[in-house]
Amino acid sequence: MDFLQLAGKTVLVLGVANRKSVAWHVARVLTEAGAKVLYSVRSLARKQQVEKLAPGASVYVCDVERPEEIDRLREAIAVDHPQLHGVVHSIAFADYSGGFQPFHETPRKAFLQAVDISCFSLIAVANAFRDLLDRAQGSVVTISISTTRMAAENYGYMAPIKAALDSAVCFLAKSFSQFSKVRFNAVCPGLLKSSASAGIPGYIDSYLFAEEATLRKQAVQTEEVANAVAFLGLVIDAGMGVNYCVQAIVQANRSKSAGNSP
């Protein structure tokens, strides 16, 4: 039984860097489920790495900080794949080269760059691929964090940026609903053991502490996140949970009420 309904589907995965990447684990789960995975990476060096991990796969280069490269990615994919059934956005970046700093001293340039790469890129990619995405059953999934309300000092300014990403998911879902049934979701895991997270000041210590704080005394595994991403290709609540204050519904009910008034 094809429980995930992914066999024969084409999915674009953005953000693979190496074997520890969330994106790589997601791609592997999708491939095992029968999907055709297309890869988008930031640089030529990453392209060569992914080609070694997935021989024969289609690997494209796209730096999401450059709008023209997102457009070129869409055009290149459209040549051989006129329809996408899903997009996995597993991209995040923050410049911690200056070391740990109190949140109120966050550099403006670093904050805005992180917003561009980690949040706005989802909006830009979704918009670029809107005509290729399966309008009846398409799915877009991004990777967020378990909570944006906890002020973890070492995570710094990325928590507010992930909060913006979470909100963007809701707004994209509602915006796309005007012309499609494309679903948008965010998977929000706890601390993960990845090469990207290892670059965050003090992250390793936090990871070890978090593992002790879990009820099962074992940290979240990247494979669990990948399974959740693959699962979110399915319809769960049809978007009702984010569809607050729909003007068309409000106006229609007002009209009904007015018509029933004595």
C-alpha atoms as a PDB file:
ATOM      1  CA  MET A   1       0.000   0.000   0.000  1.00  0.00           C
ATOM      2  CA  ASP A   2       1.359   3.446  -0.982  1.00  0.00           C
ATOM      3  CA  PHE A   3       0.475   5.081   2.318  1.00  0.00           C
ATOM      4  CA  LEU A   4       2.399   8.286   1.597  1.00  0.00           C
ATOM      5  CA  GLN A   5       1.132   8.466  -1.998  1.00  0.00           C
ATOM      6  CA  LEU A   6       4.573   9.575  -3.193  1.00  0.00           C
ATOM      7  CA  ALA A   7       5.301   6.961  -5.835  1.00  0.00           C
ATOM      8  CA  GLY A   8       5.950   8.634  -9.168  1.00  0.00           C
ATOM      9  CA  LYS A   9       5.801  12.137  -7.678  1.00  0.00           C
ATOM     10  CA  THR A  10       8.486  14.751  -8.401  1.00  0.00           C
ATOM     11  CA  VAL A  11       9.776  16.719  -5.432  1.00  0.00           C
ATOM     12  CA  LEU A  12      12.324  19.535  -5.302  1.00  0.00           C
ATOM     13  CA  VAL A  13      14.510  19.470  -2.186  1.00  0.00           C
ATOM     14  CA  LEU A  14      16.494  22.594  -1.349  1.00  0.00           C
ATOM     15  CA  GLY A  15      19.305  22.682   1.177  1.00  0.00           C
ATOM     16  CA  VAL A  16      21.315  19.462   1.117  1.00  0.00           C
ATOM     17  CA  ALA A  17      24.883  20.063   2.299  1.00  0.00           C
ATOM     18  CA  ASN A  18      26.050  16.624   3.444  1.00  0.00           C
ATOM     19  CA  ARG A  19      24.883  13.336   4.980  1.00  0.00           C
ATOM     20  CA  LYS A  20      23.911  15.046   8.232  1.00  0.00           C
ATOM     21  CA  SER A  21      21.607  17.561   6.548  1.00  0.00           C
ATOM     22  CA  VAL A  22      17.908  17.390   7.322  1.00  0.00           C
ATOM     23  CA  ALA A  23      17.342  17.854   3.599  1.00  0.00           C
ATOM     24  CA  TRP A  24      19.419  14.768   2.797  1.00  0.00           C
ATOM     25  CA  HIS A  25      17.442  12.601   5.215  1.00  0.00           C
ATOM     26  CA  VAL A  26      14.205  13.927   3.718  1.00  0.00           C
ATOM     27  CA  ALA A  27      15.426  13.214   0.196  1.00  0.00           C
ATOM     28  CA  ARG A  28      16.321   9.666   1.169  1.00  0.00           C
ATOM     29  CA  VAL A  29      12.875   9.024   2.667  1.00  0.00           C
ATOM     30  CA  LEU A  30      11.194  10.463  -0.423  1.00  0.00           C
ATOM     31  CA  THR A  31      13.326   8.338  -2.727  1.00  0.00           C
ATOM     32  CA  GLU A  32      12.583   5.186  -0.739  1.00  0.00           C
ATOM     33  CA  ALA A  33       8.873   6.017  -1.042  1.00  0.00           C
ATOM     34  CA  GLY A  34       9.171   6.073  -4.823  1.00  0.00           C
ATOM     35  CA  ALA A  35       9.412   9.818  -5.465  1.00  0.00           C
ATOM     36  CA  LYS A  36      11.789  11.383  -7.957  1.00  0.00           C
ATOM     37  CA  VAL A  37      13.897  13.880  -6.044  1.00  0.00           C
ATOM     38  CA  LEU A  38      15.434  16.969  -7.622  1.00  0.00           C
ATOM     39  CA  TYR A  39      18.141  18.705  -5.624  1.00  0.00           C
ATOM     40  CA  SER A  40      18.945  22.400  -5.365  1.00  0.00           C
ATOM     41  CA  VAL A  41      22.146  23.412  -3.577  1.00  0.00           C
ATOM     42  CA  ARG A  42      23.918  26.687  -2.924  1.00  0.00           C
ATOM     43  CA  SER A  43      27.209  26.183  -4.748  1.00  0.00           C
ATOM     44  CA  LEU A  44      29.072  24.111  -7.309  1.00  0.00           C
ATOM     45  CA  ALA A  45      31.060  22.478  -4.505  1.00  0.00           C
ATOM     46  CA  ARG A  46      27.824  21.366  -2.837  1.00  0.00           C
ATOM     47  CA  LYS A  47      26.572  20.102  -6.202  1.00  0.00           C
ATOM     48  CA  GLN A  48      29.593  17.843  -6.498  1.00  0.00           C
ATOM     49  CA  GLN A  49      29.040  16.547  -2.955  1.00  0.00           C
ATOM     50  CA  VAL A  50      25.377  15.727  -3.583  1.00  0.00           C
ATOM     51  CA  GLU A  51      26.174  14.036  -6.883  1.00  0.00           C
ATOM     52  CA  LYS A  52      28.395  11.667  -4.904  1.00  0.00           C
ATOM     53  CA  LEU A  53      25.633  11.050  -2.372  1.00  0.00           C
ATOM     54  CA  ALA A  54      22.965  10.516  -5.035  1.00  0.00           C
ATOM     55  CA  PRO A  55      24.572   9.287  -8.260  1.00  0.00           C
ATOM     56  CA  GLY A  56      22.467  10.017 -11.317  1.00  0.00           C
ATOM     57  CA  ALA A  57      20.220  12.522  -9.549  1.00  0.00           C
ATOM     58  CA  SER A  58      19.354  15.918 -11.014  1.00  0.00           C
ATOM     59  CA  VAL A  59      21.276  18.515  -9.016  1.00  0.00           C
ATOM     60  CA  TYR A  60      20.917  22.246  -9.628  1.00  0.00           C
ATOM     61  CA  VAL A  61      22.823  25.201  -8.206  1.00  0.00           C
ATOM     62  CA  CYS A  62      20.867  28.121  -6.762  1.00  0.00           C
ATOM     63  CA  ASP A  63      21.931  30.765  -4.263  1.00  0.00           C
ATOM     64  CA  VAL A  64      18.572  31.927  -2.885  1.00  0.00           C
ATOM     65  CA  GLU A  65      20.053  35.318  -2.000  1.00  0.00           C
ATOM     66  CA  ARG A  66      20.062  36.029  -5.744  1.00  0.00           C
ATOM     67  CA  PRO A  67      16.563  36.366  -7.291  1.00  0.00           C
ATOM     68  CA  GLU A  68      17.929  35.768 -10.773  1.00  0.00           C
ATOM     69  CA  GLU A  69      19.271  32.373  -9.697  1.00  0.00           C
ATOM     70  CA  ILE A  70      15.844  31.349  -8.366  1.00  0.00           C
ATOM     71  CA  ASP A  71      14.377  32.270 -11.751  1.00  0.00           C
ATOM     72  CA  ARG A  72      17.073  30.271 -13.537  1.00  0.00           C
ATOM     73  CA  LEU A  73      16.379  27.303 -11.277  1.00  0.00           C
ATOM     74  CA  ARG A  74      12.708  27.356 -12.214  1.00  0.00           C
ATOM     75  CA  GLU A  75      13.505  27.622 -15.911  1.00  0.00           C
ATOM     76  CA  ALA A  76      16.046  24.804 -15.786  1.00  0.00           C
ATOM     77  CA  ILE A  77      13.698  22.461 -13.940  1.00  0.00           C
ATOM     78  CA  ALA A  78      10.747  23.298 -16.202  1.00  0.00           C
ATOM     79  CA  VAL A  79      12.649  22.003 -19.228  1.00  0.00           C
ATOM     80  CA  ASP A  80      12.514  18.388 -18.014  1.00  0.00           C
ATOM     81  CA  HIS A  81       9.851  18.571 -15.321  1.00  0.00           C
ATOM     82  CA  PRO A  82       6.757  20.545 -16.311  1.00  0.00           C
ATOM     83  CA  GLN A  83       5.101  19.717 -12.999  1.00  0.00           C
ATOM     84  CA  LEU A  84       6.286  19.480  -9.403  1.00  0.00           C
ATOM     85  CA  HIS A  85       4.272  17.702  -6.731  1.00  0.00           C
ATOM     86  CA  GLY A  86       6.242  19.058  -3.826  1.00  0.00           C
ATOM     87  CA  VAL A  87       8.939  21.419  -2.589  1.00  0.00           C
ATOM     88  CA  VAL A  88      11.006  20.868   0.559  1.00  0.00           C
ATOM     89  CA  HIS A  89      12.618  24.056   1.856  1.00  0.00           C
ATOM     90  CA  SER A  90      15.396  23.179   4.291  1.00  0.00           C
ATOM     91  CA  ILE A  91      17.466  26.347   4.149  1.00  0.00           C
ATOM     92  CA  ALA A  92      18.698  28.443   7.049  1.00  0.00           C
ATOM     93  CA  PHE A  93      21.713  30.632   7.596  1.00  0.00           C
ATOM     94  CA  ALA A  94      22.962  32.978  10.293  1.00  0.00           C
ATOM     95  CA  ASP A  95      26.339  34.669  10.450  1.00  0.00           C
ATOM     96  CA  TYR A  96      27.809  33.849  13.844  1.00  0.00           C
ATOM     97  CA  SER A  97      31.362  34.615  12.761  1.00  0.00           C
ATOM     98  CA  GLY A  98      31.467  37.441  15.310  1.00  0.00           C
ATOM     99  CA  GLY A  99      30.870  34.979  18.126  1.00  0.00           C
ATOM    100  CA  PHE A 100      28.205  35.094  20.800  1.00  0.00           C
ATOM    101  CA  GLN A 101      26.498  38.465  21.314  1.00  0.00           C
ATOM    102  CA  PRO A 102      23.538  39.499  23.438  1.00  0.00           C
ATOM    103  CA  PHE A 103      20.360  39.636  21.382  1.00  0.00           C
ATOM    104  CA  HIS A 104      20.043  43.418  21.663  1.00  0.00           C
ATOM    105  CA  GLU A 105      23.455  43.746  20.022  1.00  0.00           C
ATOM    106  CA  THR A 106      22.461  41.711  16.969  1.00  0.00           C
ATOM    107  CA  PRO A 107      24.112  43.251  13.874  1.00  0.00           C
ATOM    108  CA  ARG A 108      21.545  44.675  11.470  1.00  0.00           C
ATOM    109  CA  LYS A 109      23.324  43.287   8.425  1.00  0.00           C
ATOM    110  CA  ALA A 110      23.506  39.776   9.866  1.00  0.00           C
ATOM    111  CA  PHE A 111      19.844  39.833  10.923  1.00  0.00           C
ATOM    112  CA  LEU A 112      18.577  40.987   7.532  1.00  0.00           C
ATOM    113  CA  GLN A 113      20.726  38.461   5.687  1.00  0.00           C
ATOM    114  CA  ALA A 114      19.373  35.677   7.885  1.00  0.00           C
ATOM    115  CA  VAL A 115      15.798  36.810   7.194  1.00  0.00           C
ATOM    116  CA  ASP A 116      16.487  36.833   3.462  1.00  0.00           C
ATOM    117  CA  ILE A 117      18.020  33.361   3.339  1.00  0.00           C
ATOM    118  CA  SER A 118      16.043  31.589   6.066  1.00  0.00           C
ATOM    119  CA  CYS A 119      12.579  33.090   5.607  1.00  0.00           C
ATOM    120  CA  PHE A 120      12.068  35.179   2.488  1.00  0.00           C
ATOM    121  CA  SER A 121      13.609  32.449   0.337  1.00  0.00           C
ATOM    122  CA  LEU A 122      10.536  30.296   1.040  1.00  0.00           C
ATOM    123  CA  ILE A 123       8.275  33.041  -0.289  1.00  0.00           C
ATOM    124  CA  ALA A 124      10.510  33.637  -3.305  1.00  0.00           C
ATOM    125  CA  VAL A 125      10.769  29.943  -4.205  1.00  0.00           C
ATOM    126  CA  ALA A 126       7.035  29.354  -3.753  1.00  0.00           C
ATOM    127  CA  ASN A 127       6.232  32.303  -5.986  1.00  0.00           C
ATOM    128  CA  ALA A 128       8.754  31.248  -8.622  1.00  0.00           C
ATOM    129  CA  PHE A 129       7.377  27.697  -8.819  1.00  0.00           C
ATOM    130  CA  ARG A 130       3.680  28.443  -8.425  1.00  0.00           C
ATOM    131  CA  ASP A 131       2.916  27.591 -12.062  1.00  0.00           C
ATOM    132  CA  LEU A 132       4.862  24.306 -11.894  1.00  0.00           C
ATOM    133  CA  LEU A 133       3.357  23.086  -8.630  1.00  0.00           C
ATOM    134  CA  ASP A 134       0.481  20.625  -8.888  1.00  0.00           C
ATOM    135  CA  ARG A 135      -2.423  22.935  -8.081  1.00  0.00           C
ATOM    136  CA  ALA A 136      -4.674  20.114  -6.942  1.00  0.00           C
ATOM    137  CA  GLN A 137      -2.297  18.129  -4.733  1.00  0.00           C
ATOM    138  CA  GLY A 138       0.929  20.123  -4.400  1.00  0.00           C
ATOM    139  CA  SER A 139       2.732  20.402  -1.077  1.00  0.00           C
ATOM    140  CA  VAL A 140       5.399  22.777   0.257  1.00  0.00           C
ATOM    141  CA  VAL A 141       7.154  21.947   3.527  1.00  0.00           C
ATOM    142  CA  THR A 142       9.793  23.958   5.373  1.00  0.00           C
ATOM    143  CA  ILE A 143      11.887  23.264   8.472  1.00  0.00           C
ATOM    144  CA  SER A 144      11.348  25.483  11.513  1.00  0.00           C
ATOM    145  CA  ILE A 145      12.138  24.944  15.227  1.00  0.00           C
ATOM    146  CA  SER A 146      10.192  23.493  18.140  1.00  0.00           C
ATOM    147  CA  THR A 147       9.434  26.830  19.761  1.00  0.00           C
ATOM    148  CA  THR A 148       9.931  30.473  18.919  1.00  0.00           C
ATOM    149  CA  ARG A 149       8.751  31.596  22.357  1.00  0.00           C
ATOM    150  CA  MET A 150      11.702  30.299  24.326  1.00  0.00           C
ATOM    151  CA  ALA A 151      14.555  32.815  24.410  1.00  0.00           C
ATOM    152  CA  ALA A 152      17.512  30.474  23.997  1.00  0.00           C
ATOM    153  CA  GLU A 153      20.502  32.798  24.219  1.00  0.00           C
ATOM    154  CA  ASN A 154      22.829  30.718  22.098  1.00  0.00           C
ATOM    155  CA  TYR A 155      20.257  30.441  19.297  1.00  0.00           C
ATOM    156  CA  GLY A 156      20.177  34.205  19.252  1.00  0.00           C
ATOM    157  CA  TYR A 157      18.351  36.055  16.551  1.00  0.00           C
ATOM    158  CA  MET A 158      17.356  32.937  14.590  1.00  0.00           C
ATOM    159  CA  ALA A 159      14.328  32.317  16.806  1.00  0.00           C
ATOM    160  CA  PRO A 160      12.561  35.549  15.705  1.00  0.00           C
ATOM    161  CA  ILE A 161      13.472  34.689  12.121  1.00  0.00           C
ATOM    162  CA  LYS A 162      11.974  31.210  12.456  1.00  0.00           C
ATOM    163  CA  ALA A 163       8.884  32.869  13.951  1.00  0.00           C
ATOM    164  CA  ALA A 164       8.643  34.911  10.762  1.00  0.00           C
ATOM    165  CA  LEU A 165       9.046  31.697   8.761  1.00  0.00           C
ATOM    166  CA  ASP A 166       6.194  30.052  10.669  1.00  0.00           C
ATOM    167  CA  SER A 167       3.966  33.032   9.983  1.00  0.00           C
ATOM    168  CA  ALA A 168       4.989  33.099   6.323  1.00  0.00           C
ATOM    169  CA  VAL A 169       3.826  29.488   5.989  1.00  0.00           C
ATOM    170  CA  CYS A 170       0.325  30.477   7.104  1.00  0.00           C
ATOM    171  CA  PHE A 171       0.173  33.491   4.822  1.00  0.00           C
ATOM    172  CA  LEU A 172       1.487  31.545   1.833  1.00  0.00           C
ATOM    173  CA  ALA A 173      -1.130  28.849   2.379  1.00  0.00           C
ATOM    174  CA  LYS A 174      -3.915  31.398   2.405  1.00  0.00           C
ATOM    175  CA  SER A 175      -2.494  33.386  -0.497  1.00  0.00           C
ATOM    176  CA  PHE A 176      -2.087  30.289  -2.701  1.00  0.00           C
ATOM    177  CA  SER A 177      -5.607  29.139  -1.801  1.00  0.00           C
ATOM    178  CA  GLN A 178      -6.952  31.890  -4.061  1.00  0.00           C
ATOM    179  CA  PHE A 179      -5.898  29.886  -7.120  1.00  0.00           C
ATOM    180  CA  SER A 180      -4.838  26.408  -5.961  1.00  0.00           C
ATOM    181  CA  LYS A 181      -5.027  23.678  -3.330  1.00  0.00           C
ATOM    182  CA  VAL A 182      -1.284  23.679  -2.678  1.00  0.00           C
ATOM    183  CA  ARG A 183      -0.588  22.902   0.984  1.00  0.00           C
ATOM    184  CA  PHE A 184       2.036  24.658   3.112  1.00  0.00           C
ATOM    185  CA  ASN A 185       3.409  23.208   6.331  1.00  0.00           C
ATOM    186  CA  ALA A 186       6.355  23.622   8.688  1.00  0.00           C
ATOM    187  CA  VAL A 187       7.995  20.802  10.602  1.00  0.00           C
ATOM    188  CA  CYS A 188       9.229  22.134  13.936  1.00  0.00           C
ATOM    189  CA  PRO A 189      11.803  19.816  15.526  1.00  0.00           C
ATOM    190  CA  GLY A 190      13.803  20.249  18.690  1.00  0.00           C
ATOM    191  CA  LEU A 191      17.583  20.396  18.710  1.00  0.00           C
ATOM    192  CA  LEU A 192      19.155  18.293  15.968  1.00  0.00           C
ATOM    193  CA  LYS A 193      22.654  16.960  15.488  1.00  0.00           C
ATOM    194  CA  SER A 194      23.641  18.477  12.158  1.00  0.00           C
ATOM    195  CA  SER A 195      26.710  20.155  10.716  1.00  0.00           C
ATOM    196  CA  ALA A 196      24.783  23.410  10.230  1.00  0.00           C
ATOM    197  CA  SER A 197      23.647  23.610  13.848  1.00  0.00           C
ATOM    198  CA  ALA A 198      27.149  22.797  15.049  1.00  0.00           C
ATOM    199  CA  GLY A 199      28.193  26.246  13.836  1.00  0.00           C
ATOM    200  CA  ILE A 200      25.965  27.948  16.399  1.00  0.00           C
ATOM    201  CA  PRO A 201      27.956  29.123  19.453  1.00  0.00           C
ATOM    202  CA  GLY A 202      27.339  26.803  22.408  1.00  0.00           C
ATOM    203  CA  TYR A 203      24.979  24.558  20.428  1.00  0.00           C
ATOM    204  CA  ILE A 204      26.697  21.275  21.276  1.00  0.00           C
ATOM    205  CA  ASP A 205      26.333  21.883  25.020  1.00  0.00           C
ATOM    206  CA  SER A 206      22.668  22.781  24.537  1.00  0.00           C
ATOM    207  CA  TYR A 207      22.093  19.658  22.452  1.00  0.00           C
ATOM    208  CA  LEU A 208      23.512  17.427  25.161  1.00  0.00           C
ATOM    209  CA  PHE A 209      21.449  19.168  27.832  1.00  0.00           C
ATOM    210  CA  ALA A 210      18.287  18.934  25.742  1.00  0.00           C
ATOM    211  CA  GLU A 211      18.765  15.203  25.358  1.00  0.00           C
ATOM    212  CA  GLU A 212      18.784  14.822  29.126  1.00  0.00           C
ATOM    213  CA  ALA A 213      15.683  17.009  29.372  1.00  0.00           C
ATOM    214  CA  THR A 214      13.607  14.825  27.045  1.00  0.00           C
ATOM    215  CA  LEU A 215      11.271  12.304  28.605  1.00  0.00           C
ATOM    216  CA  ARG A 216      12.796   9.448  26.641  1.00  0.00           C
ATOM    217  CA  LYS A 217      16.374  10.636  27.354  1.00  0.00           C
ATOM    218  CA  GLN A 218      17.109  10.673  23.650  1.00  0.00           C
ATOM    219  CA  ALA A 219      17.226  13.714  21.407  1.00  0.00           C
ATOM    220  CA  VAL A 220      15.084  14.081  18.317  1.00  0.00           C
ATOM    221  CA  GLN A 221      16.576  12.103  15.457  1.00  0.00           C
ATOM    222  CA  THR A 222      16.918  13.615  12.002  1.00  0.00           C
ATOM    223  CA  GLU A 223      15.186  10.573  10.518  1.00  0.00           C
ATOM    224  CA  GLU A 224      12.101  11.402  12.588  1.00  0.00           C
ATOM    225  CA  VAL A 225      12.015  14.882  11.097  1.00  0.00           C
ATOM    226  CA  ALA A 226      12.397  13.462   7.599  1.00  0.00           C
ATOM    227  CA  ASN A 227       9.482  11.093   8.153  1.00  0.00           C
ATOM    228  CA  ALA A 228       7.317  13.993   9.339  1.00  0.00           C
ATOM    229  CA  VAL A 229       8.187  16.014   6.231  1.00  0.00           C
ATOM    230  CA  ALA A 230       7.229  13.127   3.955  1.00  0.00           C
ATOM    231  CA  PHE A 231       3.983  12.594   5.872  1.00  0.00           C
ATOM    232  CA  LEU A 232       2.956  16.225   5.467  1.00  0.00           C
ATOM    233  CA  GLY A 233       2.367  15.611   1.796  1.00  0.00           C
ATOM    234  CA  LEU A 234      -1.027  14.358   2.971  1.00  0.00           C
ATOM    235  CA  VAL A 235      -4.092  16.491   3.694  1.00  0.00           C
ATOM    236  CA  ILE A 236      -4.593  16.817   7.458  1.00  0.00           C
ATOM    237  CA  ASP A 237      -6.990  19.663   8.242  1.00  0.00           C
ATOM    238  CA  ALA A 238      -7.170  21.176   4.739  1.00  0.00           C
ATOM    239  CA  GLY A 239      -5.727  24.430   6.074  1.00  0.00           C
ATOM    240  CA  MET A 240      -8.626  25.329   8.330  1.00  0.00           C
ATOM    241  CA  GLY A 241      -6.293  25.840  11.277  1.00  0.00           C
ATOM    242  CA  VAL A 242      -4.685  28.913   9.698  1.00  0.00           C
ATOM    243  CA  ASN A 243      -7.665  30.312   7.851  1.00  0.00           C
ATOM    244  CA  TYR A 244      -8.703  32.968  10.332  1.00  0.00           C
ATOM    245  CA  CYS A 245     -11.294  35.626   9.529  1.00  0.00           C
ATOM    246  CA  VAL A 246     -12.174  34.756   5.941  1.00  0.00           C
ATOM    247  CA  GLN A 247     -13.806  37.863   4.499  1.00  0.00           C
ATOM    248  CA  ALA A 248     -15.843  35.955   1.917  1.00  0.00           C
ATOM    249  CA  ILE A 249     -17.396  33.777   4.637  1.00  0.00           C
ATOM    250  CA  VAL A 250     -17.976  36.727   6.936  1.00  0.00           C
ATOM    251  CA  GLN A 251     -19.640  38.773   4.213  1.00  0.00           C
ATOM    252  CA  ALA A 252     -21.772  35.851   3.054  1.00  0.00           C
ATOM    253  CA  ASN A 253     -23.058  35.235   6.555  1.00  0.00           C
ATOM    254  CA  ARG A 254     -23.751  38.930   7.052  1.00  0.00           C
ATOM    255  CA  SER A 255     -25.782  38.912   3.871  1.00  0.00           C
ATOM    256  CA  LYS A 256     -27.741  35.893   5.068  1.00  0.00           C
ATOM    257  CA  SER A 257     -28.357  37.519   8.408  1.00  0.00           C
ATOM    258  CA  ALA A 258     -29.504  40.725   6.756  1.00  0.00           C
ATOM    259  CA  GLY A 259     -31.824  38.763   4.481  1.00  0.00           C
ATOM    260  CA  ASN A 260     -33.406  36.970   7.430  1.00  0.00           C
ATOM    261  CA  SER A 261     -33.967  40.124   9.408  1.00  0.00           C
ATOM    262  CA  PRO A 262     -37.640  41.039   9.903  1.00  0.00           C
END
